C-alpha cells in the first residue's frame, strides 16, 4: 500500500471537498473529513494535511489535486549496510521496528508500551506528518498524530493497568522487568504483522542495559542479532518516535478516562501537584480507590497520606 501526504491551503481543501463527498461527522479528533474514492482512502486533518492511502494513491492524488506539488519522495535506493562496529546507524535509511513506553514516571495511570514498524518508503510520510520526539509535542498534537499513524503503521500497543502493575510489583517485579516483558511482547506481535525478511533493525529506546533486558524479558528476543538499544532513541529512529507517540497517546487517553472517573483533573508526573491531587482523592474516595488508579510503590502515596493526616489534626 502506498501513502501520500500533502499539505494544502484552506482553499485547496475546499476545492477537494467540493469534488467528492466526505464524511465530516463520524471522524476522530484532529480530523476534518474522510472518504473512500476508487479504493483509495482519503483523510483530511485539522493541520491541513491530507493523506491518500491505497495502491493507487499517487494517481488519485494527482487526479484530484493536479496543481498541487508532490512532497519529496523518500529515497528507497539500497543503502550500504553499516558495519556492526560502527556505533552510528542511520536507522531512517532502513526498515525498522521501534519500541518505546509511556507512564513509567507517572504516579497516576497505566504503563503503556508500543512497538511500531516503519518501512523506508514511509519515513518521508511520517516526517511530512510531523512525527517527532513525543516529549516536544503537546497532548493535542500527540492525539492528532497517533490517530493518523495507527491507520497505516503496523504496530502493537500494550497497556498494563494499575491493578496488574501493582500486583506484579508486589510479587517482586521491578518496573524494568515489566517494561522488558511488555517491549518484547509488543515487538513479537509486530513481527507477526510484517515480512520479517525485509526487516533490518529492531531499535529499543534504552531503559536498561542489553544484558538486563534479555534477563528480564522472559522470552527470547525476536531477531536478537538485529536488535539495538539506543539512548534518546526518538531522535535517532523515526520508528521509535512513532512508537513513542502511540504509547503516549494511549497513556493520555487513559488519564483522561481516570479524570472523568475521579471527577477531578488528575495531573501527570510525580510532582508536589500530584501529591495534592492524591490527597484530595483520599479525602473524597478513600485510599483503596487511590491505589486502584496509581502505582502504589511511588513515594507520592505516603506523601499524600501525610497531607491528609496534617489536614485532619
C-alpha atoms as a PDB file:
ATOM      1  CA  UNK A   1       0.000   0.000   0.000  1.00  0.00           C
ATOM      2  CA  UNK A   2       1.219   3.497  -0.889  1.00  0.00           C
ATOM      3  CA  UNK A   3       0.780   6.520   1.375  1.00  0.00           C
ATOM      4  CA  UNK A   4       0.865  10.068   0.024  1.00  0.00           C
ATOM      5  CA  UNK A   5       0.700  13.076   2.353  1.00  0.00           C
ATOM      6  CA  UNK A   6       0.161  16.624   1.071  1.00  0.00           C
ATOM      7  CA  UNK A   7      -0.009  19.935   2.903  1.00  0.00           C
ATOM      8  CA  UNK A   8      -2.844  22.015   1.422  1.00  0.00           C
ATOM      9  CA  UNK A   9      -4.195  25.524   1.803  1.00  0.00           C
ATOM     10  CA  UNK A  10      -7.738  26.091   3.081  1.00  0.00           C
ATOM     11  CA  UNK A  11      -8.816  26.915  -0.464  1.00  0.00           C
ATOM     12  CA  UNK A  12      -7.318  23.690  -1.841  1.00  0.00           C
ATOM     13  CA  UNK A  13      -9.092  21.668   0.860  1.00  0.00           C
ATOM     14  CA  UNK A  14     -12.408  23.324  -0.004  1.00  0.00           C
ATOM     15  CA  UNK A  15     -11.839  22.514  -3.683  1.00  0.00           C
ATOM     16  CA  UNK A  16     -11.044  18.883  -2.854  1.00  0.00           C
ATOM     17  CA  UNK A  17     -14.153  18.537  -0.682  1.00  0.00           C
ATOM     18  CA  UNK A  18     -16.279  20.009  -3.466  1.00  0.00           C
ATOM     19  CA  UNK A  19     -15.080  17.360  -5.945  1.00  0.00           C
ATOM     20  CA  UNK A  20     -16.049  14.275  -3.932  1.00  0.00           C
ATOM     21  CA  UNK A  21     -18.215  13.645  -0.882  1.00  0.00           C
ATOM     22  CA  UNK A  22     -16.531  13.439   2.527  1.00  0.00           C
ATOM     23  CA  UNK A  23     -17.873  12.166   5.846  1.00  0.00           C
ATOM     24  CA  UNK A  24     -17.367  15.065   8.267  1.00  0.00           C
ATOM     25  CA  UNK A  25     -19.437  13.815  11.204  1.00  0.00           C
ATOM     26  CA  UNK A  26     -18.109  10.351  12.103  1.00  0.00           C
ATOM     27  CA  UNK A  27     -14.468  11.370  12.289  1.00  0.00           C
ATOM     28  CA  UNK A  28     -11.874  11.143  15.052  1.00  0.00           C
ATOM     29  CA  UNK A  29     -10.393  14.061  16.942  1.00  0.00           C
ATOM     30  CA  UNK A  30      -7.974  16.049  14.786  1.00  0.00           C
ATOM     31  CA  UNK A  31      -9.710  15.128  11.532  1.00  0.00           C
ATOM     32  CA  UNK A  32     -11.884  17.274   9.244  1.00  0.00           C
ATOM     33  CA  UNK A  33     -13.190  14.577   6.950  1.00  0.00           C
ATOM     34  CA  UNK A  34     -12.626  11.146   5.415  1.00  0.00           C
ATOM     35  CA  UNK A  35     -13.804   9.205   2.395  1.00  0.00           C
ATOM     36  CA  UNK A  36     -13.050   6.264   0.119  1.00  0.00           C
ATOM     37  CA  UNK A  37     -12.604   7.076  -3.568  1.00  0.00           C
ATOM     38  CA  UNK A  38     -11.798   4.399  -6.162  1.00  0.00           C
ATOM     39  CA  UNK A  39     -10.340   2.075  -3.497  1.00  0.00           C
ATOM     40  CA  UNK A  40      -8.192   4.881  -2.054  1.00  0.00           C
ATOM     41  CA  UNK A  41      -8.801   6.130   1.482  1.00  0.00           C
ATOM     42  CA  UNK A  42      -8.536   9.903   1.832  1.00  0.00           C
ATOM     43  CA  UNK A  43      -8.242  11.634   5.210  1.00  0.00           C
ATOM     44  CA  UNK A  44      -8.195  15.393   5.791  1.00  0.00           C
ATOM     45  CA  UNK A  45      -6.734  16.590   9.088  1.00  0.00           C
ATOM     46  CA  UNK A  46      -7.123  19.816  11.044  1.00  0.00           C
ATOM     47  CA  UNK A  47      -3.455  20.515  10.332  1.00  0.00           C
ATOM     48  CA  UNK A  48      -4.485  20.870   6.640  1.00  0.00           C
ATOM     49  CA  UNK A  49      -2.573  17.723   5.745  1.00  0.00           C
ATOM     50  CA  UNK A  50      -4.295  15.205   3.501  1.00  0.00           C
ATOM     51  CA  UNK A  51      -3.357  11.535   3.384  1.00  0.00           C
ATOM     52  CA  UNK A  52      -4.106   9.263   0.417  1.00  0.00           C
ATOM     53  CA  UNK A  53      -3.815   5.530   1.223  1.00  0.00           C
ATOM     54  CA  UNK A  54      -4.020   2.713  -1.293  1.00  0.00           C
ATOM     55  CA  UNK A  55      -2.099   1.052  -4.084  1.00  0.00           C
ATOM     56  CA  UNK A  56      -3.239   3.805  -6.487  1.00  0.00           C
ATOM     57  CA  UNK A  57      -2.743   6.687  -4.016  1.00  0.00           C
ATOM     58  CA  UNK A  58      -0.268   8.576  -6.231  1.00  0.00           C
ATOM     59  CA  UNK A  59      -2.582   8.597  -9.247  1.00  0.00           C
ATOM     60  CA  UNK A  60      -5.677   9.541  -7.241  1.00  0.00           C
ATOM     61  CA  UNK A  61      -3.803  12.419  -5.561  1.00  0.00           C
ATOM     62  CA  UNK A  62      -2.639  13.675  -8.961  1.00  0.00           C
ATOM     63  CA  UNK A  63      -6.133  13.301 -10.413  1.00  0.00           C
ATOM     64  CA  UNK A  64      -7.888  15.190  -7.612  1.00  0.00           C
ATOM     65  CA  UNK A  65      -5.134  17.732  -6.970  1.00  0.00           C
ATOM     66  CA  UNK A  66      -3.407  18.252 -10.322  1.00  0.00           C
ATOM     67  CA  UNK A  67      -1.928  21.632  -9.382  1.00  0.00           C
ATOM     68  CA  UNK A  68      -0.529  20.627  -6.012  1.00  0.00           C
ATOM     69  CA  UNK A  69       3.177  19.912  -5.770  1.00  0.00           C
ATOM     70  CA  UNK A  70       4.038  16.423  -4.641  1.00  0.00           C
ATOM     71  CA  UNK A  71       6.112  16.046  -1.471  1.00  0.00           C
ATOM     72  CA  UNK A  72       9.699  14.939  -1.811  1.00  0.00           C
ATOM     73  CA  UNK A  73       9.820  11.185  -2.143  1.00  0.00           C
ATOM     74  CA  UNK A  74      11.853   9.234   0.363  1.00  0.00           C
ATOM     75  CA  UNK A  75      14.832   7.523  -1.172  1.00  0.00           C
ATOM     76  CA  UNK A  76      14.412   3.786  -1.349  1.00  0.00           C
ATOM     77  CA  UNK A  77      17.678   3.020  -3.086  1.00  0.00           C
ATOM     78  CA  UNK A  78      19.719   0.337  -1.406  1.00  0.00           C
ATOM     79  CA  UNK A  79      21.907   1.735   1.329  1.00  0.00           C
ATOM     80  CA  UNK A  80      25.177   0.176   2.211  1.00  0.00           C
ATOM     81  CA  UNK A  81      24.800  -1.685   5.484  1.00  0.00           C
ATOM     82  CA  UNK A  82      26.509  -0.034   8.419  1.00  0.00           C
ATOM     83  CA  UNK A  83      29.245  -2.097   9.955  1.00  0.00           C
ATOM     84  CA  UNK A  84      28.296  -3.632  13.283  1.00  0.00           C
ATOM     85  CA  UNK A  85      31.393  -1.993  14.721  1.00  0.00           C
ATOM     86  CA  UNK A  86      30.124   1.444  13.716  1.00  0.00           C
ATOM     87  CA  UNK A  87      28.067   2.807  16.593  1.00  0.00           C
ATOM     88  CA  UNK A  88      26.253   5.380  14.439  1.00  0.00           C
ATOM     89  CA  UNK A  89      23.482   3.744  12.442  1.00  0.00           C
ATOM     90  CA  UNK A  90      21.192   5.908  10.350  1.00  0.00           C
ATOM     91  CA  UNK A  91      18.079   3.932  11.178  1.00  0.00           C
ATOM     92  CA  UNK A  92      15.844   6.029   8.936  1.00  0.00           C
ATOM     93  CA  UNK A  93      17.648   4.543   5.931  1.00  0.00           C
ATOM     94  CA  UNK A  94      16.433   1.107   6.967  1.00  0.00           C
ATOM     95  CA  UNK A  95      13.258  -0.860   7.649  1.00  0.00           C
ATOM     96  CA  UNK A  96      12.883  -0.768  11.424  1.00  0.00           C
ATOM     97  CA  UNK A  97      10.696  -1.758  14.320  1.00  0.00           C
ATOM     98  CA  UNK A  98      10.976   0.805  17.106  1.00  0.00           C
ATOM     99  CA  UNK A  99       9.617   0.458  20.639  1.00  0.00           C
ATOM    100  CA  UNK A 100       9.024   2.886  23.487  1.00  0.00           C
ATOM    101  CA  UNK A 101       6.841   3.305  26.565  1.00  0.00           C
ATOM    102  CA  UNK A 102       4.877   5.959  28.439  1.00  0.00           C
ATOM    103  CA  UNK A 103       3.669   6.321  32.007  1.00  0.00           C
ATOM    104  CA  UNK A 104       6.694   4.821  33.755  1.00  0.00           C
ATOM    105  CA  UNK A 105       7.452   8.054  35.621  1.00  0.00           C
ATOM    106  CA  UNK A 106       3.824   8.924  36.376  1.00  0.00           C
ATOM    107  CA  UNK A 107       2.201   8.074  39.716  1.00  0.00           C
ATOM    108  CA  UNK A 108      -1.293   8.044  38.226  1.00  0.00           C
ATOM    109  CA  UNK A 109      -2.257   5.923  35.259  1.00  0.00           C
ATOM    110  CA  UNK A 110      -1.033   2.784  33.491  1.00  0.00           C
ATOM    111  CA  UNK A 111       2.208   1.744  31.840  1.00  0.00           C
ATOM    112  CA  UNK A 112       1.820   1.695  28.054  1.00  0.00           C
ATOM    113  CA  UNK A 113       4.252   0.194  25.545  1.00  0.00           C
ATOM    114  CA  UNK A 114       4.167   0.337  21.752  1.00  0.00           C
ATOM    115  CA  UNK A 115       6.263  -1.254  19.030  1.00  0.00           C
ATOM    116  CA  UNK A 116       5.858   0.134  15.505  1.00  0.00           C
ATOM    117  CA  UNK A 117       7.263  -0.825  12.106  1.00  0.00           C
ATOM    118  CA  UNK A 118       8.311   1.921   9.704  1.00  0.00           C
ATOM    119  CA  UNK A 119       9.406   0.969   6.202  1.00  0.00           C
ATOM    120  CA  UNK A 120      11.831   3.136   4.222  1.00  0.00           C
ATOM    121  CA  UNK A 121       9.022   4.314   1.955  1.00  0.00           C
ATOM    122  CA  UNK A 122       7.046   5.586   4.960  1.00  0.00           C
ATOM    123  CA  UNK A 123       9.884   7.533   6.586  1.00  0.00           C
ATOM    124  CA  UNK A 124       9.189  10.623   4.476  1.00  0.00           C
ATOM    125  CA  UNK A 125       5.443  10.242   5.037  1.00  0.00           C
ATOM    126  CA  UNK A 126       5.961  10.351   8.813  1.00  0.00           C
ATOM    127  CA  UNK A 127       8.275  13.346   8.530  1.00  0.00           C
ATOM    128  CA  UNK A 128       5.665  15.171   6.452  1.00  0.00           C
ATOM    129  CA  UNK A 129       3.011  14.419   9.067  1.00  0.00           C
ATOM    130  CA  UNK A 130       5.265  15.957  11.712  1.00  0.00           C
ATOM    131  CA  UNK A 131       6.342  12.885  13.669  1.00  0.00           C
ATOM    132  CA  UNK A 132       8.899  13.969  16.268  1.00  0.00           C
ATOM    133  CA  UNK A 133      10.047  13.272  19.809  1.00  0.00           C
ATOM    134  CA  UNK A 134       6.793  12.979  21.795  1.00  0.00           C
ATOM    135  CA  UNK A 135       8.329  14.989  24.658  1.00  0.00           C
ATOM    136  CA  UNK A 136       8.344  18.015  22.331  1.00  0.00           C
ATOM    137  CA  UNK A 137       4.662  17.612  21.418  1.00  0.00           C
ATOM    138  CA  UNK A 138       1.513  18.759  23.199  1.00  0.00           C
ATOM    139  CA  UNK A 139      -1.069  16.166  24.196  1.00  0.00           C
ATOM    140  CA  UNK A 140      -3.402  17.514  21.492  1.00  0.00           C
ATOM    141  CA  UNK A 141      -0.726  17.068  18.817  1.00  0.00           C
ATOM    142  CA  UNK A 142       0.074  13.561  20.070  1.00  0.00           C
ATOM    143  CA  UNK A 143      -3.592  12.575  19.777  1.00  0.00           C
ATOM    144  CA  UNK A 144      -3.818  14.035  16.270  1.00  0.00           C
ATOM    145  CA  UNK A 145      -0.658  12.268  15.066  1.00  0.00           C
ATOM    146  CA  UNK A 146      -1.395   8.924  16.731  1.00  0.00           C
ATOM    147  CA  UNK A 147      -4.863   8.712  15.205  1.00  0.00           C
ATOM    148  CA  UNK A 148      -3.229   9.090  11.797  1.00  0.00           C
ATOM    149  CA  UNK A 149      -0.360   6.664  12.446  1.00  0.00           C
ATOM    150  CA  UNK A 150      -2.490   3.763  13.671  1.00  0.00           C
ATOM    151  CA  UNK A 151      -4.342   3.694  10.346  1.00  0.00           C
ATOM    152  CA  UNK A 152      -1.319   2.557   8.329  1.00  0.00           C
ATOM    153  CA  UNK A 153       1.678   1.753  10.554  1.00  0.00           C
ATOM    154  CA  UNK A 154       1.918  -1.924  11.653  1.00  0.00           C
ATOM    155  CA  UNK A 155       2.084  -1.695  15.449  1.00  0.00           C
ATOM    156  CA  UNK A 156       1.284  -3.368  18.737  1.00  0.00           C
ATOM    157  CA  UNK A 157       0.092  -1.367  21.733  1.00  0.00           C
ATOM    158  CA  UNK A 158       0.060  -2.952  25.196  1.00  0.00           C
ATOM    159  CA  UNK A 159      -1.341  -1.404  28.379  1.00  0.00           C
ATOM    160  CA  UNK A 160      -0.574  -2.601  31.894  1.00  0.00           C
ATOM    161  CA  UNK A 161      -3.307  -1.092  34.039  1.00  0.00           C
ATOM    162  CA  UNK A 162      -2.700  -0.148  37.659  1.00  0.00           C
ATOM    163  CA  UNK A 163      -4.279  -3.254  39.199  1.00  0.00           C
ATOM    164  CA  UNK A 164      -1.975  -5.563  37.193  1.00  0.00           C
ATOM    165  CA  UNK A 165       1.006  -3.233  37.678  1.00  0.00           C
ATOM    166  CA  UNK A 166       0.593  -3.245  41.467  1.00  0.00           C
ATOM    167  CA  UNK A 167       0.053  -6.997  41.502  1.00  0.00           C
ATOM    168  CA  UNK A 168       3.300  -7.603  39.580  1.00  0.00           C
ATOM    169  CA  UNK A 169       5.218  -5.084  41.686  1.00  0.00           C
ATOM    170  CA  UNK A 170       4.024  -6.752  44.891  1.00  0.00           C
ATOM    171  CA  UNK A 171       5.139 -10.161  43.576  1.00  0.00           C
ATOM    172  CA  UNK A 172       8.676  -8.845  43.132  1.00  0.00           C
ATOM    173  CA  UNK A 173       8.737  -7.495  39.592  1.00  0.00           C
ATOM    174  CA  UNK A 174      10.719  -4.286  39.185  1.00  0.00           C
ATOM    175  CA  UNK A 175       9.447  -1.694  36.752  1.00  0.00           C
ATOM    176  CA  UNK A 176      12.403  -2.540  34.486  1.00  0.00           C
ATOM    177  CA  UNK A 177      11.196  -6.142  34.293  1.00  0.00           C
ATOM    178  CA  UNK A 178       7.647  -5.030  33.471  1.00  0.00           C
ATOM    179  CA  UNK A 179       8.942  -2.843  30.654  1.00  0.00           C
ATOM    180  CA  UNK A 180      11.216  -5.572  29.285  1.00  0.00           C
ATOM    181  CA  UNK A 181       8.353  -8.082  29.181  1.00  0.00           C
ATOM    182  CA  UNK A 182       5.966  -5.615  27.516  1.00  0.00           C
ATOM    183  CA  UNK A 183       8.519  -4.367  24.974  1.00  0.00           C
ATOM    184  CA  UNK A 184       9.437  -7.908  23.989  1.00  0.00           C
ATOM    185  CA  UNK A 185       5.792  -8.947  23.633  1.00  0.00           C
ATOM    186  CA  UNK A 186       4.902  -5.881  21.555  1.00  0.00           C
ATOM    187  CA  UNK A 187       7.896  -6.422  19.270  1.00  0.00           C
ATOM    188  CA  UNK A 188       6.957 -10.094  18.777  1.00  0.00           C
ATOM    189  CA  UNK A 189       3.418  -9.044  17.901  1.00  0.00           C
ATOM    190  CA  UNK A 190       4.665  -6.656  15.210  1.00  0.00           C
ATOM    191  CA  UNK A 191       6.978  -9.274  13.650  1.00  0.00           C
ATOM    192  CA  UNK A 192       3.853 -11.351  13.038  1.00  0.00           C
ATOM    193  CA  UNK A 193       2.296  -8.497  11.026  1.00  0.00           C
ATOM    194  CA  UNK A 194       5.176  -7.801   8.612  1.00  0.00           C
ATOM    195  CA  UNK A 195       7.519  -9.508   6.174  1.00  0.00           C
ATOM    196  CA  UNK A 196      10.466 -10.085   8.501  1.00  0.00           C
ATOM    197  CA  UNK A 197      12.769 -10.817   5.549  1.00  0.00           C
ATOM    198  CA  UNK A 198      12.628  -7.077   4.858  1.00  0.00           C
ATOM    199  CA  UNK A 199      13.345  -6.125   8.490  1.00  0.00           C
ATOM    200  CA  UNK A 200      16.757  -4.542   9.031  1.00  0.00           C
ATOM    201  CA  UNK A 201      16.715  -3.488  12.685  1.00  0.00           C
ATOM    202  CA  UNK A 202      14.708  -3.612  15.888  1.00  0.00           C
ATOM    203  CA  UNK A 203      15.504  -0.469  17.885  1.00  0.00           C
ATOM    204  CA  UNK A 204      14.514  -0.198  21.544  1.00  0.00           C
ATOM    205  CA  UNK A 205      14.564   3.104  23.398  1.00  0.00           C
ATOM    206  CA  UNK A 206      17.027   2.039  26.057  1.00  0.00           C
ATOM    207  CA  UNK A 207      15.808   1.829  29.652  1.00  0.00           C
ATOM    208  CA  UNK A 208      18.258  -0.913  30.729  1.00  0.00           C
ATOM    209  CA  UNK A 209      21.492  -2.492  29.558  1.00  0.00           C
ATOM    210  CA  UNK A 210      21.037  -5.163  26.892  1.00  0.00           C
ATOM    211  CA  UNK A 211      22.011  -7.968  29.270  1.00  0.00           C
ATOM    212  CA  UNK A 212      19.482  -6.819  31.895  1.00  0.00           C
ATOM    213  CA  UNK A 213      16.742  -6.559  29.261  1.00  0.00           C
ATOM    214  CA  UNK A 214      17.419 -10.079  27.997  1.00  0.00           C
ATOM    215  CA  UNK A 215      17.419 -11.490  31.536  1.00  0.00           C
ATOM    216  CA  UNK A 216      14.089  -9.867  32.411  1.00  0.00           C
ATOM    217  CA  UNK A 217      12.221 -10.324  29.116  1.00  0.00           C
ATOM    218  CA  UNK A 218      11.043 -13.895  29.997  1.00  0.00           C
ATOM    219  CA  UNK A 219      11.196 -14.946  26.344  1.00  0.00           C
ATOM    220  CA  UNK A 220      13.943 -14.749  23.728  1.00  0.00           C
ATOM    221  CA  UNK A 221      14.380 -11.543  21.773  1.00  0.00           C
ATOM    222  CA  UNK A 222      12.910 -11.840  18.277  1.00  0.00           C
ATOM    223  CA  UNK A 223      15.807 -11.467  15.827  1.00  0.00           C
ATOM    224  CA  UNK A 224      18.340 -10.713  18.559  1.00  0.00           C
ATOM    225  CA  UNK A 225      21.154 -10.114  16.046  1.00  0.00           C
ATOM    226  CA  UNK A 226      19.132  -7.256  14.547  1.00  0.00           C
ATOM    227  CA  UNK A 227      18.226  -5.716  17.909  1.00  0.00           C
ATOM    228  CA  UNK A 228      19.807  -2.456  19.046  1.00  0.00           C
ATOM    229  CA  UNK A 229      19.364  -0.393  22.213  1.00  0.00           C
ATOM    230  CA  UNK A 230      19.603   3.375  21.854  1.00  0.00           C
ATOM    231  CA  UNK A 231      19.504   6.145  24.433  1.00  0.00           C
ATOM    232  CA  UNK A 232      17.406   9.121  23.304  1.00  0.00           C
ATOM    233  CA  UNK A 233      16.135   6.781  20.622  1.00  0.00           C
ATOM    234  CA  UNK A 234      13.351   9.080  19.406  1.00  0.00           C
ATOM    235  CA  UNK A 235      15.938  11.433  17.929  1.00  0.00           C
ATOM    236  CA  UNK A 236      17.760   8.574  16.176  1.00  0.00           C
ATOM    237  CA  UNK A 237      14.904   6.480  14.780  1.00  0.00           C
ATOM    238  CA  UNK A 238      11.573   7.668  13.436  1.00  0.00           C
ATOM    239  CA  UNK A 239      10.215   4.182  14.223  1.00  0.00           C
ATOM    240  CA  UNK A 240      10.881   4.825  17.921  1.00  0.00           C
ATOM    241  CA  UNK A 241       9.358   8.305  17.578  1.00  0.00           C
ATOM    242  CA  UNK A 242       6.191   6.762  16.085  1.00  0.00           C
ATOM    243  CA  UNK A 243       6.030   4.127  18.845  1.00  0.00           C
ATOM    244  CA  UNK A 244       6.526   6.837  21.453  1.00  0.00           C
ATOM    245  CA  UNK A 245       3.648   8.901  20.066  1.00  0.00           C
ATOM    246  CA  UNK A 246       1.264   5.924  20.021  1.00  0.00           C
ATOM    247  CA  UNK A 247       2.219   4.792  23.545  1.00  0.00           C
ATOM    248  CA  UNK A 248       1.889   8.366  24.829  1.00  0.00           C
ATOM    249  CA  UNK A 249      -1.485   8.660  23.085  1.00  0.00           C
ATOM    250  CA  UNK A 250      -2.735   5.577  24.931  1.00  0.00           C
ATOM    251  CA  UNK A 251      -1.459   6.974  28.220  1.00  0.00           C
ATOM    252  CA  UNK A 252      -3.106  10.379  27.633  1.00  0.00           C
ATOM    253  CA  UNK A 253      -6.425   8.719  26.762  1.00  0.00           C
ATOM    254  CA  UNK A 254      -6.260   6.580  29.911  1.00  0.00           C
ATOM    255  CA  UNK A 255      -5.503   9.646  32.025  1.00  0.00           C
ATOM    256  CA  UNK A 256      -8.496  11.460  30.529  1.00  0.00           C
ATOM    257  CA  UNK A 257     -10.665   8.473  31.447  1.00  0.00           C
ATOM    258  CA  UNK A 258      -9.314   8.440  35.017  1.00  0.00           C
ATOM    259  CA  UNK A 259     -10.038  12.167  35.390  1.00  0.00           C
ATOM    260  CA  UNK A 260     -13.644  11.589  34.326  1.00  0.00           C
ATOM    261  CA  UNK A 261     -13.986   8.657  36.718  1.00  0.00           C
ATOM    262  CA  UNK A 262     -12.468  10.548  39.653  1.00  0.00           C
ATOM    263  CA  UNK A 263     -14.442  13.687  38.747  1.00  0.00           C
ATOM    264  CA  UNK A 264     -11.292  15.774  39.103  1.00  0.00           C
ATOM    265  CA  UNK A 265      -8.341  16.750  36.917  1.00  0.00           C
ATOM    266  CA  UNK A 266      -5.581  14.200  37.505  1.00  0.00           C
ATOM    267  CA  UNK A 267      -2.083  15.577  36.852  1.00  0.00           C
ATOM    268  CA  UNK A 268       0.682  13.698  35.093  1.00  0.00           C
ATOM    269  CA  UNK A 269       4.130  13.107  36.551  1.00  0.00           C
ATOM    270  CA  UNK A 270       5.103  12.690  40.202  1.00  0.00           C
ATOM    271  CA  UNK A 271       5.443  16.278  41.491  1.00  0.00           C
ATOM    272  CA  UNK A 272       4.044  18.051  44.570  1.00  0.00           C
ATOM    273  CA  UNK A 273       0.980  18.844  42.457  1.00  0.00           C
ATOM    274  CA  UNK A 274       0.408  15.092  42.161  1.00  0.00           C
ATOM    275  CA  UNK A 275       0.699  14.703  45.965  1.00  0.00           C
ATOM    276  CA  UNK A 276      -2.049  17.303  46.459  1.00  0.00           C
ATOM    277  CA  UNK A 277      -4.335  15.634  43.903  1.00  0.00           C
ATOM    278  CA  UNK A 278      -3.786  12.246  45.555  1.00  0.00           C
ATOM    279  CA  UNK A 279      -4.580  13.687  48.989  1.00  0.00           C
ATOM    280  CA  UNK A 280      -7.855  15.128  47.699  1.00  0.00           C
ATOM    281  CA  UNK A 281      -8.802  11.732  46.270  1.00  0.00           C
ATOM    282  CA  UNK A 282      -8.053  10.001  49.597  1.00  0.00           C
ATOM    283  CA  UNK A 283     -10.320  12.549  51.316  1.00  0.00           C
ATOM    284  CA  UNK A 284     -13.149  12.061  48.860  1.00  0.00           C
ATOM    285  CA  UNK A 285     -12.925   8.410  47.807  1.00  0.00           C
ATOM    286  CA  UNK A 286     -10.501   6.669  50.165  1.00  0.00           C
ATOM    287  CA  UNK A 287      -7.062   5.085  49.909  1.00  0.00           C
ATOM    288  CA  UNK A 288      -8.320   1.913  48.176  1.00  0.00           C
ATOM    289  CA  UNK A 289      -9.710   3.927  45.286  1.00  0.00           C
ATOM    290  CA  UNK A 290      -6.445   5.860  45.024  1.00  0.00           C
ATOM    291  CA  UNK A 291      -4.490   2.596  44.888  1.00  0.00           C
ATOM    292  CA  UNK A 292      -6.693   1.356  42.044  1.00  0.00           C
ATOM    293  CA  UNK A 293      -5.593   4.199  39.743  1.00  0.00           C
ATOM    294  CA  UNK A 294      -1.961   4.640  40.797  1.00  0.00           C
ATOM    295  CA  UNK A 295       1.380   2.877  41.066  1.00  0.00           C
ATOM    296  CA  UNK A 296       1.346   2.103  44.784  1.00  0.00           C
ATOM    297  CA  UNK A 297       5.104   1.911  45.336  1.00  0.00           C
ATOM    298  CA  UNK A 298       5.699   5.543  44.326  1.00  0.00           C
ATOM    299  CA  UNK A 299       6.593   7.895  47.196  1.00  0.00           C
ATOM    300  CA  UNK A 300       3.602  10.084  46.282  1.00  0.00           C
ATOM    301  CA  UNK A 301       1.331   7.693  48.183  1.00  0.00           C
ATOM    302  CA  UNK A 302       2.941   8.253  51.600  1.00  0.00           C
ATOM    303  CA  UNK A 303       3.273  11.984  50.925  1.00  0.00           C
ATOM    304  CA  UNK A 304      -0.451  12.198  50.141  1.00  0.00           C
ATOM    305  CA  UNK A 305      -1.315  10.278  53.325  1.00  0.00           C
ATOM    306  CA  UNK A 306       0.779  12.713  55.377  1.00  0.00           C
ATOM    307  CA  UNK A 307      -1.027  15.663  53.790  1.00  0.00           C
ATOM    308  CA  UNK A 308      -4.378  14.145  54.723  1.00  0.00           C
ATOM    309  CA  UNK A 309      -3.227  13.451  58.306  1.00  0.00           C
ATOM    310  CA  UNK A 310      -1.930  17.006  58.634  1.00  0.00           C
ATOM    311  CA  UNK A 311      -5.234  18.399  57.396  1.00  0.00           C
ATOM    312  CA  UNK A 312      -7.278  16.466  59.968  1.00  0.00           C
ATOM    313  CA  UNK A 313      -5.154  17.187  63.031  1.00  0.00           C
END
